[in-house]
Structure formats: C-alpha cells, structure tokens
C-alpha cells in the first residue's frame, strides 16, 4: 500500500476514534440540528460502518482513489441541474466549518443532505428558498485539507 493510501486510511481510522470519543456531543448536535423527519436511527453506527467498509476496500486494493460515497473528509463536486454549474464542498466536522471557503459541516442543512450520497446520484437539495436539483459528479479525498484547517484553529 502506498504512503498516500496509508495516510488516507489513517485519517478515516482517526475519524472513527473521534466519533467514538465524542459520540454523546455529536449525537446531541445531530439531534438538535436535524429535523425530526430527516433523522436516521443509529446514524453514527451506520456512518461508521460505511467508513469501515471504505477502509477495507482501500486495504484490499492498496489504493485510496475509490470514494463511492460522500463522507466527512471528502470533497464532493455537485452539478446544479438547472444551469449545469458545478460547485465543490468539503464535508467536515462542525468545528472545521467555513462555508465561505467551501468547508461545510456534515450537520449543516447542505452537508447533511450530501452525506452518504453516491456518485451519479441526483437529489433535490432543500434550501430555505425552496429546492435545487443537483447531481453528485465527483467525490475525492480532502482530509489533508482538514488537517491544515484543524491546525489553524
């Protein structure tokens, strides 16, 4: 496995440890920021299983270029169906959020709707002024950008 793949897997392992260590606070944030009808039972367990599956795939393939779903630490490129414009978002933890720079919390309204979505998936993004149709065009690793962001705070 190359150095980049090891660093990527380390990032996701550290993410799982962080979630486990802060599960109570994160669950409280999830509950307080997510409308009742959008809440998933066992959200963090489901999320952790997705991350564990990704780590296994990366270890098996010896590569870290495969990101089938939007996770914390990934950059997602979306295309708005109405005007074919694209936009990048980096999904992060709440304390790393900086929407003006494209860093959005996984608990924000947009981040929450993108999390665990797949490449090619089309969704109706609910925003305060209505809904926007968008398609997930690309998902890539961005954990190295979050490491820098954590060091800045």
N, C-alpha and C. Protein backbone atom coordinates (compact mmCIF):
# COMPACT_ATOMS: atom_id res chain seq x y z
N UNK A 1 0.86 -1.18 0.00
CA UNK A 1 0.00 0.00 0.00
C UNK A 1 0.90 1.23 0.00
N UNK A 2 0.60 2.20 -0.86
CA UNK A 2 1.45 3.38 -0.95
C UNK A 2 1.22 4.33 0.22
N UNK A 3 2.14 5.26 0.40
CA UNK A 3 2.11 6.20 1.54
C UNK A 3 0.81 7.01 1.57
N UNK A 4 0.36 7.44 0.42
CA UNK A 4 -0.88 8.23 0.34
C UNK A 4 -2.08 7.42 0.83
N UNK A 5 -2.14 6.16 0.43
CA UNK A 5 -3.24 5.29 0.86
C UNK A 5 -3.20 5.07 2.36
N UNK A 6 -2.01 4.91 2.92
CA UNK A 6 -1.87 4.73 4.37
C UNK A 6 -2.34 5.98 5.10
N UNK A 7 -1.93 7.16 4.62
CA UNK A 7 -2.34 8.41 5.25
C UNK A 7 -3.86 8.59 5.17
N UNK A 8 -4.45 8.23 4.05
CA UNK A 8 -5.89 8.35 3.89
C UNK A 8 -6.61 7.41 4.87
N UNK A 9 -6.17 6.16 4.93
CA UNK A 9 -6.78 5.23 5.87
C UNK A 9 -6.59 5.69 7.31
N UNK A 10 -5.41 6.22 7.63
CA UNK A 10 -5.17 6.75 8.99
C UNK A 10 -6.16 7.86 9.31
N UNK A 11 -6.42 8.72 8.34
CA UNK A 11 -7.38 9.81 8.55
C UNK A 11 -8.75 9.24 8.92
N UNK A 12 -9.20 8.24 8.19
CA UNK A 12 -10.53 7.68 8.45
C UNK A 12 -10.56 6.87 9.75
N UNK A 13 -9.46 6.19 10.09
CA UNK A 13 -9.40 5.49 11.39
C UNK A 13 -9.48 6.53 12.51
N UNK A 14 -8.72 7.62 12.39
CA UNK A 14 -8.77 8.68 13.41
C UNK A 14 -10.17 9.28 13.50
N UNK A 15 -10.85 9.38 12.37
CA UNK A 15 -12.21 9.89 12.36
C UNK A 15 -13.14 8.99 13.16
N UNK A 16 -13.00 7.68 12.99
CA UNK A 16 -13.82 6.73 13.75
C UNK A 16 -13.53 6.84 15.25
N UNK A 17 -12.27 7.00 15.61
CA UNK A 17 -11.90 7.17 17.02
C UNK A 17 -12.51 8.46 17.56
N UNK A 18 -12.43 9.53 16.77
CA UNK A 18 -13.01 10.82 17.19
C UNK A 18 -14.52 10.68 17.42
N UNK A 19 -15.20 10.03 16.49
CA UNK A 19 -16.65 9.85 16.64
C UNK A 19 -16.95 9.05 17.90
N UNK A 20 -16.20 7.98 18.12
CA UNK A 20 -16.41 7.16 19.32
C UNK A 20 -16.16 7.96 20.60
N UNK A 21 -15.08 8.74 20.60
CA UNK A 21 -14.73 9.53 21.79
C UNK A 21 -15.71 10.66 22.06
N UNK A 22 -16.38 11.16 21.02
CA UNK A 22 -17.28 12.32 21.14
C UNK A 22 -18.73 11.99 20.79
N UNK A 23 -19.08 10.71 20.90
CA UNK A 23 -20.40 10.27 20.43
C UNK A 23 -21.55 11.01 21.12
N UNK A 24 -21.44 11.28 22.39
CA UNK A 24 -22.53 11.95 23.09
C UNK A 24 -22.74 13.38 22.56
N UNK A 25 -21.65 14.14 22.45
CA UNK A 25 -21.76 15.51 21.94
C UNK A 25 -22.23 15.53 20.48
N UNK A 26 -21.67 14.63 19.67
CA UNK A 26 -22.06 14.58 18.26
C UNK A 26 -23.53 14.17 18.10
N UNK A 27 -23.97 13.23 18.91
CA UNK A 27 -25.38 12.82 18.84
C UNK A 27 -26.29 13.97 19.24
N UNK A 28 -25.92 14.69 20.28
CA UNK A 28 -26.72 15.86 20.69
C UNK A 28 -26.76 16.91 19.59
N UNK A 29 -25.62 17.15 18.93
CA UNK A 29 -25.58 18.10 17.81
C UNK A 29 -26.45 17.61 16.65
N UNK A 30 -26.36 16.32 16.37
CA UNK A 30 -27.15 15.73 15.28
C UNK A 30 -28.64 15.90 15.55
N UNK A 31 -29.05 15.58 16.76
CA UNK A 31 -30.47 15.68 17.12
C UNK A 31 -30.95 17.12 17.07
N UNK A 32 -30.11 18.03 17.58
CA UNK A 32 -30.55 19.44 17.63
C UNK A 32 -30.53 20.12 16.26
N UNK A 33 -29.75 19.59 15.32
CA UNK A 33 -29.63 20.27 14.02
C UNK A 33 -30.40 19.56 12.90
N UNK A 34 -30.99 18.44 13.18
CA UNK A 34 -31.65 17.66 12.14
C UNK A 34 -33.16 17.60 12.40
N UNK A 35 -33.95 18.05 11.44
CA UNK A 35 -35.40 17.94 11.61
C UNK A 35 -35.82 16.50 11.88
N UNK A 36 -36.84 16.33 12.69
CA UNK A 36 -37.28 15.00 13.11
C UNK A 36 -37.49 14.07 11.93
N UNK A 37 -38.15 14.53 10.86
CA UNK A 37 -38.45 13.67 9.73
C UNK A 37 -37.21 13.24 8.95
N UNK A 38 -36.07 13.91 9.16
CA UNK A 38 -34.85 13.56 8.44
C UNK A 38 -33.88 12.73 9.29
N UNK A 39 -34.17 12.57 10.56
CA UNK A 39 -33.26 11.85 11.46
C UNK A 39 -33.25 10.36 11.12
N UNK A 40 -32.05 9.80 11.16
CA UNK A 40 -31.87 8.37 10.97
C UNK A 40 -31.56 7.72 12.31
N UNK A 41 -32.26 6.66 12.61
CA UNK A 41 -31.97 5.93 13.84
C UNK A 41 -30.58 5.29 13.67
N UNK A 42 -29.78 5.36 14.68
CA UNK A 42 -28.43 4.80 14.68
C UNK A 42 -27.54 5.45 13.61
N UNK A 43 -27.71 6.74 13.39
CA UNK A 43 -26.97 7.46 12.34
C UNK A 43 -25.47 7.22 12.42
N UNK A 44 -24.88 7.40 13.60
CA UNK A 44 -23.42 7.28 13.69
C UNK A 44 -22.95 5.84 13.52
N UNK A 45 -23.75 4.87 13.91
CA UNK A 45 -23.40 3.46 13.67
C UNK A 45 -23.40 3.18 12.16
N UNK A 46 -24.42 3.66 11.48
CA UNK A 46 -24.50 3.48 10.02
C UNK A 46 -23.32 4.16 9.33
N UNK A 47 -23.02 5.39 9.76
CA UNK A 47 -21.91 6.13 9.16
C UNK A 47 -20.59 5.39 9.40
N UNK A 48 -20.37 4.94 10.63
CA UNK A 48 -19.13 4.24 10.96
C UNK A 48 -18.96 2.98 10.13
N UNK A 49 -20.04 2.25 9.89
CA UNK A 49 -19.97 1.05 9.05
C UNK A 49 -19.53 1.40 7.63
N UNK A 50 -20.01 2.52 7.11
CA UNK A 50 -19.61 2.96 5.76
C UNK A 50 -18.11 3.27 5.72
N UNK A 51 -17.61 3.94 6.76
CA UNK A 51 -16.19 4.28 6.81
C UNK A 51 -15.35 3.00 6.95
N UNK A 52 -15.78 2.08 7.80
CA UNK A 52 -15.05 0.82 7.96
C UNK A 52 -15.00 0.05 6.64
N UNK A 53 -16.10 0.03 5.91
CA UNK A 53 -16.13 -0.64 4.59
C UNK A 53 -15.14 0.01 3.63
N UNK A 54 -15.08 1.33 3.64
CA UNK A 54 -14.15 2.05 2.76
C UNK A 54 -12.70 1.70 3.10
N UNK A 55 -12.39 1.67 4.38
CA UNK A 55 -11.02 1.32 4.81
C UNK A 55 -10.66 -0.08 4.32
N UNK A 56 -11.58 -1.02 4.45
CA UNK A 56 -11.34 -2.40 3.99
C UNK A 56 -11.08 -2.44 2.49
N UNK A 57 -11.87 -1.70 1.72
CA UNK A 57 -11.69 -1.66 0.27
C UNK A 57 -10.32 -1.08 -0.06
N UNK A 58 -9.94 0.00 0.60
CA UNK A 58 -8.64 0.62 0.34
C UNK A 58 -7.50 -0.33 0.69
N UNK A 59 -7.64 -1.06 1.81
CA UNK A 59 -6.59 -2.01 2.20
C UNK A 59 -6.49 -3.15 1.20
N UNK A 60 -7.63 -3.64 0.76
CA UNK A 60 -7.65 -4.75 -0.19
C UNK A 60 -7.05 -4.35 -1.54
N UNK A 61 -7.39 -3.15 -1.99
CA UNK A 61 -6.93 -2.69 -3.30
C UNK A 61 -5.55 -2.04 -3.24
N UNK A 62 -5.11 -1.63 -2.03
CA UNK A 62 -3.83 -0.95 -1.91
C UNK A 62 -3.86 0.44 -2.52
N UNK A 63 -5.05 0.98 -2.65
CA UNK A 63 -5.24 2.28 -3.29
C UNK A 63 -6.27 3.07 -2.51
N UNK A 64 -6.19 4.38 -2.60
CA UNK A 64 -7.15 5.23 -1.90
C UNK A 64 -7.90 6.15 -2.85
N UNK A 65 -8.02 5.76 -4.08
CA UNK A 65 -8.65 6.65 -5.05
C UNK A 65 -10.15 6.38 -5.21
N UNK A 66 -10.66 5.37 -4.53
CA UNK A 66 -12.05 4.99 -4.67
C UNK A 66 -12.88 5.55 -3.51
N UNK A 67 -13.78 6.47 -3.82
CA UNK A 67 -14.69 7.05 -2.83
C UNK A 67 -16.10 6.99 -3.39
N UNK A 68 -16.82 5.91 -3.09
CA UNK A 68 -18.15 5.74 -3.66
C UNK A 68 -19.22 6.61 -3.01
N UNK A 69 -18.95 7.08 -1.79
CA UNK A 69 -19.95 7.87 -1.09
C UNK A 69 -19.33 9.10 -0.45
N UNK A 70 -20.17 10.11 -0.23
CA UNK A 70 -19.73 11.34 0.43
C UNK A 70 -19.55 11.03 1.91
N UNK A 71 -18.35 11.30 2.42
CA UNK A 71 -18.02 11.09 3.82
C UNK A 71 -17.40 12.36 4.38
N UNK A 72 -17.29 12.45 5.68
CA UNK A 72 -16.55 13.54 6.30
C UNK A 72 -15.10 13.38 5.84
N UNK A 73 -14.52 14.46 5.34
CA UNK A 73 -13.15 14.40 4.82
C UNK A 73 -13.08 14.19 3.33
N UNK A 74 -14.22 14.28 2.65
CA UNK A 74 -14.20 14.20 1.20
C UNK A 74 -14.64 15.52 0.58
N UNK A 75 -14.17 15.71 -0.64
CA UNK A 75 -14.63 16.85 -1.44
C UNK A 75 -15.63 16.30 -2.42
N UNK A 76 -16.80 16.94 -2.47
CA UNK A 76 -17.85 16.50 -3.38
C UNK A 76 -18.10 17.62 -4.39
N UNK A 77 -18.10 17.24 -5.65
CA UNK A 77 -18.42 18.18 -6.72
C UNK A 77 -19.85 17.88 -7.15
N UNK A 78 -20.67 18.91 -7.07
CA UNK A 78 -22.07 18.75 -7.48
C UNK A 78 -22.33 19.61 -8.72
N UNK A 79 -23.27 19.16 -9.53
CA UNK A 79 -23.70 19.96 -10.67
C UNK A 79 -25.17 20.29 -10.47
N UNK A 80 -25.47 21.58 -10.50
CA UNK A 80 -26.86 22.02 -10.38
C UNK A 80 -27.53 21.79 -11.72
N UNK A 81 -28.61 21.03 -11.72
CA UNK A 81 -29.25 20.60 -12.96
C UNK A 81 -29.82 21.77 -13.76
N UNK A 82 -30.27 22.81 -13.07
CA UNK A 82 -30.93 23.93 -13.75
C UNK A 82 -29.99 24.70 -14.68
N UNK A 83 -28.74 24.91 -14.23
CA UNK A 83 -27.83 25.73 -15.04
C UNK A 83 -26.52 25.02 -15.40
N UNK A 84 -26.40 23.73 -15.06
CA UNK A 84 -25.19 22.95 -15.34
C UNK A 84 -23.92 23.54 -14.74
N UNK A 85 -24.06 24.36 -13.70
CA UNK A 85 -22.91 24.91 -12.98
C UNK A 85 -22.48 23.89 -11.92
N UNK A 86 -21.17 23.83 -11.66
CA UNK A 86 -20.66 22.93 -10.63
C UNK A 86 -20.18 23.72 -9.42
N UNK A 87 -20.16 23.04 -8.29
CA UNK A 87 -19.66 23.63 -7.06
C UNK A 87 -19.04 22.53 -6.22
N UNK A 88 -17.95 22.87 -5.53
CA UNK A 88 -17.27 21.91 -4.66
C UNK A 88 -17.58 22.21 -3.21
N UNK A 89 -17.77 21.17 -2.43
CA UNK A 89 -17.94 21.28 -0.99
C UNK A 89 -16.99 20.29 -0.33
N UNK A 90 -16.37 20.70 0.73
CA UNK A 90 -15.57 19.80 1.55
C UNK A 90 -16.38 19.54 2.81
N UNK A 91 -16.69 18.27 3.05
CA UNK A 91 -17.53 17.89 4.19
C UNK A 91 -16.62 17.72 5.41
N UNK A 92 -16.99 18.38 6.51
CA UNK A 92 -16.13 18.41 7.68
C UNK A 92 -16.94 18.32 8.98
N UNK A 93 -16.23 18.28 10.10
CA UNK A 93 -16.87 18.36 11.40
C UNK A 93 -17.28 19.80 11.66
N UNK A 94 -18.25 20.03 12.56
CA UNK A 94 -18.75 21.39 12.80
C UNK A 94 -17.66 22.41 13.14
N UNK A 95 -16.68 22.02 13.94
CA UNK A 95 -15.64 22.98 14.35
C UNK A 95 -14.68 23.34 13.22
N UNK A 96 -14.73 22.63 12.10
CA UNK A 96 -13.88 22.92 10.95
C UNK A 96 -14.62 23.72 9.87
N UNK A 97 -15.88 23.98 10.11
CA UNK A 97 -16.74 24.59 9.11
C UNK A 97 -16.31 26.02 8.76
N UNK A 98 -16.30 26.31 7.47
CA UNK A 98 -16.04 27.65 6.95
C UNK A 98 -16.74 27.72 5.59
N UNK A 99 -18.07 27.95 5.61
CA UNK A 99 -18.85 27.90 4.37
C UNK A 99 -18.32 28.81 3.26
N UNK A 100 -17.78 29.97 3.60
CA UNK A 100 -17.26 30.88 2.57
C UNK A 100 -16.08 30.27 1.81
N UNK A 101 -15.38 29.33 2.44
CA UNK A 101 -14.26 28.65 1.80
C UNK A 101 -14.64 27.27 1.27
N UNK A 102 -15.92 26.91 1.37
CA UNK A 102 -16.39 25.64 0.85
C UNK A 102 -16.35 24.50 1.85
N UNK A 103 -15.96 24.77 3.10
CA UNK A 103 -15.94 23.75 4.15
C UNK A 103 -17.28 23.76 4.84
N UNK A 104 -18.07 22.69 4.65
CA UNK A 104 -19.40 22.66 5.27
C UNK A 104 -19.51 21.47 6.23
N UNK A 105 -20.10 21.74 7.36
CA UNK A 105 -20.29 20.71 8.37
C UNK A 105 -21.22 19.63 7.86
N UNK A 106 -20.94 18.40 8.26
CA UNK A 106 -21.84 17.30 7.91
C UNK A 106 -23.19 17.45 8.58
N UNK A 107 -23.30 18.35 9.57
CA UNK A 107 -24.56 18.60 10.26
C UNK A 107 -25.31 19.81 9.70
N UNK A 108 -24.69 20.54 8.78
CA UNK A 108 -25.36 21.69 8.17
C UNK A 108 -26.47 21.16 7.26
N UNK A 109 -27.44 21.99 6.92
CA UNK A 109 -28.51 21.51 6.03
C UNK A 109 -27.99 20.91 4.72
N UNK A 110 -27.01 21.54 4.10
CA UNK A 110 -26.47 21.01 2.84
C UNK A 110 -25.61 19.78 3.11
N UNK A 111 -24.72 19.86 4.07
CA UNK A 111 -23.84 18.72 4.39
C UNK A 111 -24.62 17.48 4.76
N UNK A 112 -25.65 17.66 5.55
CA UNK A 112 -26.49 16.54 6.00
C UNK A 112 -27.16 15.85 4.80
N UNK A 113 -27.57 16.63 3.81
CA UNK A 113 -28.24 16.06 2.63
C UNK A 113 -27.26 15.39 1.67
N UNK A 114 -25.99 15.81 1.70
CA UNK A 114 -24.98 15.22 0.82
C UNK A 114 -24.34 13.98 1.42
N UNK A 115 -24.24 13.91 2.74
CA UNK A 115 -23.54 12.82 3.40
C UNK A 115 -24.12 11.47 2.99
N UNK A 116 -23.21 10.56 2.66
CA UNK A 116 -23.52 9.18 2.26
C UNK A 116 -24.19 9.05 0.88
N UNK A 117 -24.26 10.14 0.13
CA UNK A 117 -24.77 10.06 -1.24
C UNK A 117 -23.67 9.51 -2.15
N UNK A 118 -24.06 8.98 -3.30
CA UNK A 118 -23.14 8.33 -4.22
C UNK A 118 -22.91 9.14 -5.49
N UNK A 119 -21.79 8.86 -6.15
CA UNK A 119 -21.51 9.48 -7.43
C UNK A 119 -22.65 9.14 -8.40
N UNK A 120 -23.12 10.14 -9.12
CA UNK A 120 -24.20 9.95 -10.08
C UNK A 120 -25.59 10.12 -9.49
N UNK A 121 -25.67 10.16 -8.17
CA UNK A 121 -26.98 10.28 -7.53
C UNK A 121 -27.52 11.71 -7.71
N UNK A 122 -28.78 11.80 -8.04
CA UNK A 122 -29.46 13.08 -8.17
C UNK A 122 -30.33 13.28 -6.95
N UNK A 123 -30.29 14.49 -6.41
CA UNK A 123 -31.10 14.77 -5.24
C UNK A 123 -31.72 16.15 -5.34
N UNK A 124 -32.79 16.31 -4.62
CA UNK A 124 -33.46 17.60 -4.52
C UNK A 124 -33.00 18.23 -3.22
N UNK A 125 -32.07 19.17 -3.33
CA UNK A 125 -31.48 19.82 -2.16
C UNK A 125 -32.45 20.85 -1.60
N UNK A 126 -32.86 20.62 -0.38
CA UNK A 126 -33.79 21.55 0.26
C UNK A 126 -32.99 22.71 0.86
N UNK A 127 -33.34 23.92 0.45
CA UNK A 127 -32.72 25.14 0.96
C UNK A 127 -33.83 26.07 1.43
N UNK A 128 -33.49 27.11 2.21
CA UNK A 128 -34.54 27.99 2.74
C UNK A 128 -35.46 28.60 1.69
N UNK A 129 -34.95 28.81 0.49
CA UNK A 129 -35.77 29.45 -0.55
C UNK A 129 -36.48 28.46 -1.46
N UNK A 130 -36.35 27.16 -1.16
CA UNK A 130 -37.02 26.16 -1.99
C UNK A 130 -36.19 24.91 -2.14
N UNK A 131 -36.11 24.40 -3.36
CA UNK A 131 -35.35 23.19 -3.65
C UNK A 131 -34.53 23.37 -4.92
N UNK A 132 -33.33 22.75 -4.92
CA UNK A 132 -32.46 22.76 -6.09
C UNK A 132 -32.16 21.33 -6.47
N UNK A 133 -32.32 21.00 -7.73
CA UNK A 133 -31.94 19.67 -8.21
C UNK A 133 -30.44 19.69 -8.51
N UNK A 134 -29.76 18.67 -8.00
CA UNK A 134 -28.32 18.57 -8.22
C UNK A 134 -27.94 17.11 -8.37
N UNK A 135 -26.78 16.92 -9.00
CA UNK A 135 -26.24 15.58 -9.21
C UNK A 135 -24.83 15.54 -8.66
N UNK A 136 -24.50 14.45 -7.95
CA UNK A 136 -23.15 14.25 -7.43
C UNK A 136 -22.27 13.85 -8.62
N UNK A 137 -21.29 14.67 -8.94
CA UNK A 137 -20.44 14.41 -10.11
C UNK A 137 -19.13 13.71 -9.74
N UNK A 138 -18.56 14.07 -8.59
CA UNK A 138 -17.25 13.53 -8.22
C UNK A 138 -17.10 13.56 -6.71
N UNK A 139 -16.38 12.56 -6.19
CA UNK A 139 -16.06 12.52 -4.76
C UNK A 139 -14.58 12.17 -4.66
N UNK A 140 -13.84 12.96 -3.90
CA UNK A 140 -12.41 12.70 -3.73
C UNK A 140 -11.99 12.98 -2.29
N UNK A 141 -10.82 12.49 -1.93
CA UNK A 141 -10.30 12.66 -0.58
C UNK A 141 -9.86 14.11 -0.35
N UNK A 142 -10.23 14.67 0.81
CA UNK A 142 -9.83 16.04 1.15
C UNK A 142 -9.39 16.14 2.60
N UNK A 143 -9.12 15.00 3.22
CA UNK A 143 -8.72 15.00 4.63
C UNK A 143 -7.48 15.82 4.90
N UNK A 144 -6.55 15.84 3.93
CA UNK A 144 -5.33 16.63 4.10
C UNK A 144 -5.65 18.12 4.26
N UNK A 145 -6.72 18.60 3.65
CA UNK A 145 -7.13 19.99 3.80
C UNK A 145 -7.73 20.24 5.18
N UNK A 146 -8.39 19.23 5.72
CA UNK A 146 -8.97 19.35 7.05
C UNK A 146 -7.89 19.33 8.11
N UNK A 147 -6.82 18.55 7.89
CA UNK A 147 -5.72 18.55 8.85
C UNK A 147 -5.14 19.96 8.98
N UNK A 148 -4.95 20.63 7.83
CA UNK A 148 -4.45 22.01 7.84
C UNK A 148 -5.45 22.90 8.56
N UNK A 149 -6.73 22.73 8.28
CA UNK A 149 -7.78 23.55 8.91
C UNK A 149 -7.78 23.35 10.42
N UNK A 150 -7.57 22.13 10.90
CA UNK A 150 -7.53 21.89 12.33
C UNK A 150 -6.34 22.59 12.98
N UNK A 151 -5.22 22.61 12.27
CA UNK A 151 -4.03 23.26 12.82
C UNK A 151 -4.17 24.77 12.87
N UNK A 152 -5.05 25.34 12.04
CA UNK A 152 -5.25 26.79 12.03
C UNK A 152 -6.11 27.26 13.18
N UNK A 153 -6.98 26.36 13.70
CA UNK A 153 -7.90 26.77 14.77
C UNK A 153 -7.29 26.63 16.13
